[in-house]
């Protein structure tokens, strides 16, 4: 089993629980260069809001997308976009990544922005 398969195996359990609860889900994905956040509907078929360091406006602000500061910016932005759509409570899906570093920074910034999870 390689690293990606192991991460996806870890993610499967939390995603199954979130699907069972039919909650709106804040999913995070990180790569070496960027971090991405998407809010999915309760059924999991629609993306309600999204933010990432790959966006042109954020690339001008942040520069390097693979930093903790970039993750904090994405967290604040996803919280703003979710509030604009009327979403206040979400389930946090860390996609099998450790709750540490950039993933943790994004989650804390989203909480500060007003999302509850």
N, C-alpha and C. Protein backbone atom coordinates (compact mmCIF):
# COMPACT_ATOMS: atom_id res chain seq x y z
N UNK A 1 0.85 -1.18 0.00
CA UNK A 1 0.00 0.00 0.00
C UNK A 1 0.90 1.24 0.00
N UNK A 2 0.69 2.11 -0.96
CA UNK A 2 1.50 3.33 -0.99
C UNK A 2 0.85 4.42 -0.14
N UNK A 3 1.51 5.58 -0.07
CA UNK A 3 1.05 6.65 0.83
C UNK A 3 -0.35 7.16 0.47
N UNK A 4 -0.62 7.28 -0.82
CA UNK A 4 -1.93 7.81 -1.22
C UNK A 4 -3.05 6.83 -0.86
N UNK A 5 -2.84 5.56 -1.10
CA UNK A 5 -3.86 4.57 -0.76
C UNK A 5 -4.09 4.52 0.74
N UNK A 6 -3.04 4.65 1.52
CA UNK A 6 -3.17 4.64 2.98
C UNK A 6 -3.97 5.86 3.45
N UNK A 7 -3.70 7.02 2.86
CA UNK A 7 -4.43 8.24 3.22
C UNK A 7 -5.90 8.11 2.86
N UNK A 8 -6.20 7.60 1.69
CA UNK A 8 -7.59 7.44 1.27
C UNK A 8 -8.33 6.41 2.12
N UNK A 9 -7.61 5.38 2.59
CA UNK A 9 -8.21 4.40 3.48
C UNK A 9 -8.58 5.07 4.81
N UNK A 10 -7.70 5.94 5.31
CA UNK A 10 -8.00 6.67 6.55
C UNK A 10 -9.19 7.61 6.34
N UNK A 11 -9.29 8.21 5.16
CA UNK A 11 -10.36 9.16 4.88
C UNK A 11 -11.73 8.48 4.76
N UNK A 12 -11.74 7.23 4.34
CA UNK A 12 -13.00 6.54 4.06
C UNK A 12 -13.91 6.44 5.28
N UNK A 13 -13.33 6.20 6.45
CA UNK A 13 -14.13 6.02 7.66
C UNK A 13 -14.85 7.31 8.05
N UNK A 14 -14.13 8.42 8.04
CA UNK A 14 -14.77 9.69 8.43
C UNK A 14 -15.79 10.13 7.38
N UNK A 15 -15.50 9.89 6.11
CA UNK A 15 -16.45 10.26 5.05
C UNK A 15 -17.72 9.43 5.15
N UNK A 16 -17.60 8.18 5.54
CA UNK A 16 -18.78 7.32 5.70
C UNK A 16 -19.65 7.84 6.84
N UNK A 17 -19.04 8.25 7.93
CA UNK A 17 -19.79 8.77 9.08
C UNK A 17 -20.48 10.08 8.71
N UNK A 18 -19.79 10.96 7.99
CA UNK A 18 -20.38 12.24 7.58
C UNK A 18 -21.54 11.99 6.63
N UNK A 19 -21.41 11.04 5.71
CA UNK A 19 -22.49 10.71 4.77
C UNK A 19 -23.69 10.14 5.51
N UNK A 20 -23.43 9.35 6.55
CA UNK A 20 -24.50 8.77 7.34
C UNK A 20 -25.30 9.86 8.06
N UNK A 21 -24.60 10.90 8.52
CA UNK A 21 -25.25 12.00 9.23
C UNK A 21 -25.91 13.00 8.27
N UNK A 22 -25.58 12.91 6.98
CA UNK A 22 -26.10 13.81 5.94
C UNK A 22 -25.79 15.27 6.26
N UNK A 23 -24.56 15.51 6.70
CA UNK A 23 -24.12 16.87 7.04
C UNK A 23 -23.42 17.52 5.86
N UNK A 24 -23.42 18.84 5.86
CA UNK A 24 -22.63 19.59 4.90
C UNK A 24 -21.17 19.38 5.29
N UNK A 25 -20.31 19.14 4.29
CA UNK A 25 -18.95 18.70 4.56
C UNK A 25 -17.93 19.70 4.04
N UNK A 26 -16.97 20.10 4.88
CA UNK A 26 -15.84 20.93 4.48
C UNK A 26 -14.65 20.00 4.25
N UNK A 27 -14.33 19.78 2.99
CA UNK A 27 -13.25 18.86 2.62
C UNK A 27 -11.98 19.65 2.30
N UNK A 28 -10.86 19.17 2.80
CA UNK A 28 -9.58 19.82 2.60
C UNK A 28 -8.66 18.88 1.84
N UNK A 29 -7.94 19.42 0.88
CA UNK A 29 -6.90 18.65 0.19
C UNK A 29 -5.66 19.52 0.15
N UNK A 30 -4.52 18.91 0.41
CA UNK A 30 -3.28 19.67 0.33
C UNK A 30 -2.29 18.96 -0.57
N UNK A 31 -1.55 19.75 -1.29
CA UNK A 31 -0.44 19.25 -2.08
C UNK A 31 0.80 20.02 -1.65
N UNK A 32 1.93 19.76 -2.25
CA UNK A 32 3.13 20.47 -1.86
C UNK A 32 3.04 21.96 -2.17
N UNK A 33 2.35 22.30 -3.24
CA UNK A 33 2.31 23.70 -3.69
C UNK A 33 1.04 24.44 -3.31
N UNK A 34 -0.07 23.76 -3.08
CA UNK A 34 -1.35 24.42 -2.85
C UNK A 34 -2.16 23.72 -1.77
N UNK A 35 -3.20 24.43 -1.31
CA UNK A 35 -4.18 23.83 -0.40
C UNK A 35 -5.56 24.20 -0.93
N UNK A 36 -6.47 23.27 -0.89
CA UNK A 36 -7.80 23.44 -1.46
C UNK A 36 -8.85 23.14 -0.39
N UNK A 37 -9.95 23.89 -0.40
CA UNK A 37 -11.06 23.64 0.52
C UNK A 37 -12.36 23.72 -0.28
N UNK A 38 -13.24 22.74 -0.08
CA UNK A 38 -14.53 22.73 -0.75
C UNK A 38 -15.60 22.37 0.25
N UNK A 39 -16.77 22.98 0.09
CA UNK A 39 -17.92 22.64 0.92
C UNK A 39 -18.91 21.91 0.04
N UNK A 40 -19.20 20.65 0.42
CA UNK A 40 -20.12 19.80 -0.32
C UNK A 40 -21.48 19.77 0.36
N UNK A 41 -22.53 19.56 -0.42
CA UNK A 41 -23.88 19.44 0.12
C UNK A 41 -24.00 18.17 0.96
N UNK A 42 -25.12 18.06 1.68
CA UNK A 42 -25.34 16.90 2.53
C UNK A 42 -25.36 15.58 1.78
N UNK A 43 -25.85 15.61 0.54
CA UNK A 43 -25.87 14.38 -0.25
C UNK A 43 -24.51 14.11 -0.91
N UNK A 44 -23.64 15.10 -0.91
CA UNK A 44 -22.29 14.92 -1.45
C UNK A 44 -22.15 15.09 -2.94
N UNK A 45 -23.20 15.57 -3.61
CA UNK A 45 -23.14 15.68 -5.06
C UNK A 45 -22.87 17.08 -5.57
N UNK A 46 -23.06 18.09 -4.74
CA UNK A 46 -22.88 19.47 -5.19
C UNK A 46 -21.80 20.16 -4.37
N UNK A 47 -20.98 20.96 -5.06
CA UNK A 47 -20.02 21.82 -4.39
C UNK A 47 -20.71 23.16 -4.16
N UNK A 48 -20.86 23.54 -2.89
CA UNK A 48 -21.56 24.77 -2.55
C UNK A 48 -20.63 25.97 -2.49
N UNK A 49 -19.39 25.75 -2.08
CA UNK A 49 -18.39 26.82 -2.03
C UNK A 49 -17.01 26.19 -2.15
N UNK A 50 -16.07 26.97 -2.67
CA UNK A 50 -14.70 26.46 -2.82
C UNK A 50 -13.72 27.61 -2.71
N UNK A 51 -12.52 27.30 -2.24
CA UNK A 51 -11.43 28.27 -2.18
C UNK A 51 -10.12 27.49 -2.24
N UNK A 52 -9.12 28.10 -2.87
CA UNK A 52 -7.82 27.45 -2.93
C UNK A 52 -6.74 28.49 -3.21
N UNK A 53 -5.50 28.10 -2.97
CA UNK A 53 -4.38 28.99 -3.25
C UNK A 53 -4.06 29.02 -4.74
N UNK A 54 -4.73 28.21 -5.53
CA UNK A 54 -4.52 28.22 -6.97
C UNK A 54 -5.31 29.33 -7.66
N UNK A 55 -6.21 30.01 -6.92
CA UNK A 55 -6.98 31.11 -7.49
C UNK A 55 -6.07 32.31 -7.73
N UNK A 56 -6.36 33.05 -8.79
CA UNK A 56 -5.51 34.16 -9.21
C UNK A 56 -5.40 35.24 -8.13
N UNK A 57 -6.54 35.62 -7.51
CA UNK A 57 -6.51 36.68 -6.50
C UNK A 57 -5.66 36.28 -5.30
N UNK A 58 -5.81 35.03 -4.87
CA UNK A 58 -5.05 34.55 -3.71
C UNK A 58 -3.57 34.40 -4.03
N UNK A 59 -3.24 34.03 -5.24
CA UNK A 59 -1.83 33.88 -5.62
C UNK A 59 -1.12 35.21 -5.56
N UNK A 60 -1.85 36.30 -5.88
CA UNK A 60 -1.25 37.64 -5.80
C UNK A 60 -1.00 38.03 -4.35
N UNK A 61 -1.93 37.67 -3.45
CA UNK A 61 -1.80 38.00 -2.03
C UNK A 61 -0.75 37.16 -1.34
N UNK A 62 -0.79 35.86 -1.57
CA UNK A 62 -0.02 34.92 -0.77
C UNK A 62 1.35 34.62 -1.36
N UNK A 63 1.44 34.50 -2.67
CA UNK A 63 2.70 34.09 -3.28
C UNK A 63 2.81 32.58 -3.29
N UNK A 64 3.52 32.03 -2.31
CA UNK A 64 3.68 30.58 -2.22
C UNK A 64 2.46 29.98 -1.54
N UNK A 65 1.79 29.04 -2.18
CA UNK A 65 0.57 28.46 -1.64
C UNK A 65 0.79 27.32 -0.67
N UNK A 66 2.03 26.90 -0.45
CA UNK A 66 2.31 25.77 0.40
C UNK A 66 2.72 26.14 1.81
N UNK A 67 2.21 27.27 2.33
CA UNK A 67 2.61 27.72 3.67
C UNK A 67 1.40 27.76 4.61
N UNK A 68 1.68 27.87 5.90
CA UNK A 68 0.63 27.95 6.90
C UNK A 68 -0.16 29.25 6.73
N UNK A 69 0.52 30.34 6.39
CA UNK A 69 -0.17 31.62 6.18
C UNK A 69 -1.15 31.53 5.01
N UNK A 70 -0.77 30.83 3.96
CA UNK A 70 -1.66 30.63 2.82
C UNK A 70 -2.88 29.82 3.24
N UNK A 71 -2.68 28.81 4.09
CA UNK A 71 -3.80 27.99 4.56
C UNK A 71 -4.76 28.81 5.42
N UNK A 72 -4.23 29.73 6.22
CA UNK A 72 -5.08 30.59 7.03
C UNK A 72 -5.93 31.49 6.14
N UNK A 73 -5.33 32.00 5.08
CA UNK A 73 -6.07 32.85 4.14
C UNK A 73 -7.19 32.07 3.47
N UNK A 74 -6.93 30.84 3.06
CA UNK A 74 -7.95 30.00 2.43
C UNK A 74 -9.06 29.69 3.43
N UNK A 75 -8.71 29.44 4.69
CA UNK A 75 -9.71 29.17 5.73
C UNK A 75 -10.65 30.33 5.94
N UNK A 76 -10.11 31.54 5.98
CA UNK A 76 -10.95 32.73 6.14
C UNK A 76 -11.85 32.92 4.92
N UNK A 77 -11.29 32.69 3.74
CA UNK A 77 -12.06 32.87 2.50
C UNK A 77 -13.19 31.86 2.37
N UNK A 78 -12.93 30.61 2.72
CA UNK A 78 -13.99 29.58 2.62
C UNK A 78 -15.09 29.87 3.63
N UNK A 79 -14.73 30.41 4.81
CA UNK A 79 -15.74 30.77 5.81
C UNK A 79 -16.62 31.91 5.30
N UNK A 80 -16.01 32.90 4.67
CA UNK A 80 -16.78 34.02 4.11
C UNK A 80 -17.75 33.53 3.04
N UNK A 81 -17.26 32.68 2.15
CA UNK A 81 -18.10 32.18 1.05
C UNK A 81 -19.22 31.29 1.57
N UNK A 82 -18.94 30.54 2.61
CA UNK A 82 -19.98 29.69 3.20
C UNK A 82 -21.05 30.54 3.88
N UNK A 83 -20.64 31.56 4.60
CA UNK A 83 -21.60 32.45 5.27
C UNK A 83 -22.47 33.16 4.23
N UNK A 84 -21.89 33.52 3.09
CA UNK A 84 -22.65 34.17 2.03
C UNK A 84 -23.72 33.24 1.48
N UNK A 85 -23.47 31.93 1.49
CA UNK A 85 -24.45 30.95 1.02
C UNK A 85 -25.42 30.51 2.11
N UNK A 86 -25.22 31.01 3.34
CA UNK A 86 -26.11 30.66 4.44
C UNK A 86 -25.71 29.39 5.18
N UNK A 87 -24.47 28.96 5.03
CA UNK A 87 -23.99 27.75 5.70
C UNK A 87 -23.26 28.17 6.98
N UNK A 88 -23.68 27.61 8.10
CA UNK A 88 -23.04 27.96 9.37
C UNK A 88 -22.36 26.78 10.03
N UNK A 89 -22.90 25.58 9.87
CA UNK A 89 -22.34 24.39 10.51
C UNK A 89 -21.93 23.37 9.44
N UNK A 90 -20.73 22.83 9.59
CA UNK A 90 -20.21 21.85 8.65
C UNK A 90 -19.54 20.72 9.43
N UNK A 91 -19.28 19.63 8.74
CA UNK A 91 -18.45 18.55 9.28
C UNK A 91 -17.09 18.67 8.61
N UNK A 92 -16.02 18.61 9.38
CA UNK A 92 -14.68 18.80 8.84
C UNK A 92 -14.12 17.47 8.34
N UNK A 93 -13.80 17.42 7.05
CA UNK A 93 -13.23 16.23 6.42
C UNK A 93 -11.78 16.56 6.06
N UNK A 94 -10.85 16.00 6.83
CA UNK A 94 -9.44 16.30 6.60
C UNK A 94 -8.81 15.40 5.54
N UNK A 95 -9.61 14.55 4.92
CA UNK A 95 -9.19 13.69 3.80
C UNK A 95 -8.03 12.77 4.14
N UNK A 96 -7.96 12.31 5.37
CA UNK A 96 -6.91 11.39 5.76
C UNK A 96 -5.60 12.04 6.15
N UNK A 97 -5.51 13.38 6.03
CA UNK A 97 -4.29 14.09 6.43
C UNK A 97 -4.30 14.28 7.94
N UNK A 98 -3.12 14.38 8.54
CA UNK A 98 -3.03 14.65 9.97
C UNK A 98 -3.58 16.03 10.26
N UNK A 99 -4.23 16.17 11.42
CA UNK A 99 -4.72 17.49 11.85
C UNK A 99 -3.52 18.23 12.44
N UNK A 100 -2.70 18.79 11.55
CA UNK A 100 -1.44 19.39 11.96
C UNK A 100 -1.01 20.34 10.84
N UNK A 101 -0.31 21.37 11.17
CA UNK A 101 0.28 22.24 10.16
C UNK A 101 -0.75 23.00 9.36
N UNK A 102 -0.70 22.84 8.04
CA UNK A 102 -1.58 23.60 7.15
C UNK A 102 -3.05 23.22 7.31
N UNK A 103 -3.34 21.95 7.52
CA UNK A 103 -4.73 21.50 7.69
C UNK A 103 -5.31 22.12 8.97
N UNK A 104 -4.54 22.12 10.03
CA UNK A 104 -4.97 22.71 11.30
C UNK A 104 -5.15 24.22 11.16
N UNK A 105 -4.24 24.89 10.47
CA UNK A 105 -4.33 26.33 10.28
C UNK A 105 -5.59 26.71 9.50
N UNK A 106 -5.91 25.93 8.46
CA UNK A 106 -7.11 26.19 7.68
C UNK A 106 -8.35 26.00 8.55
N UNK A 107 -8.39 24.94 9.34
CA UNK A 107 -9.55 24.67 10.18
C UNK A 107 -9.75 25.77 11.23
N UNK A 108 -8.69 26.20 11.87
CA UNK A 108 -8.81 27.24 12.89
C UNK A 108 -9.23 28.58 12.28
N UNK A 109 -8.72 28.89 11.09
CA UNK A 109 -9.12 30.13 10.42
C UNK A 109 -10.59 30.08 10.01
N UNK A 110 -11.06 28.92 9.58
CA UNK A 110 -12.47 28.77 9.21
C UNK A 110 -13.36 28.93 10.45
N UNK A 111 -12.92 28.41 11.58
CA UNK A 111 -13.66 28.58 12.83
C UNK A 111 -13.72 30.06 13.24
N UNK A 112 -12.59 30.74 13.11
CA UNK A 112 -12.55 32.18 13.42
C UNK A 112 -13.46 32.96 12.49
N UNK A 113 -13.58 32.48 11.24
CA UNK A 113 -14.44 33.13 10.26
C UNK A 113 -15.92 32.90 10.50
N UNK A 114 -16.28 32.01 11.43
CA UNK A 114 -17.67 31.84 11.78
C UNK A 114 -18.26 30.46 11.50
N UNK A 115 -17.50 29.55 10.90
CA UNK A 115 -18.02 28.20 10.67
C UNK A 115 -17.95 27.40 11.97
N UNK A 116 -18.95 26.56 12.18
CA UNK A 116 -18.99 25.73 13.38
C UNK A 116 -18.79 24.27 13.00
N UNK A 117 -17.78 23.66 13.61
CA UNK A 117 -17.55 22.22 13.44
C UNK A 117 -16.69 21.71 14.56
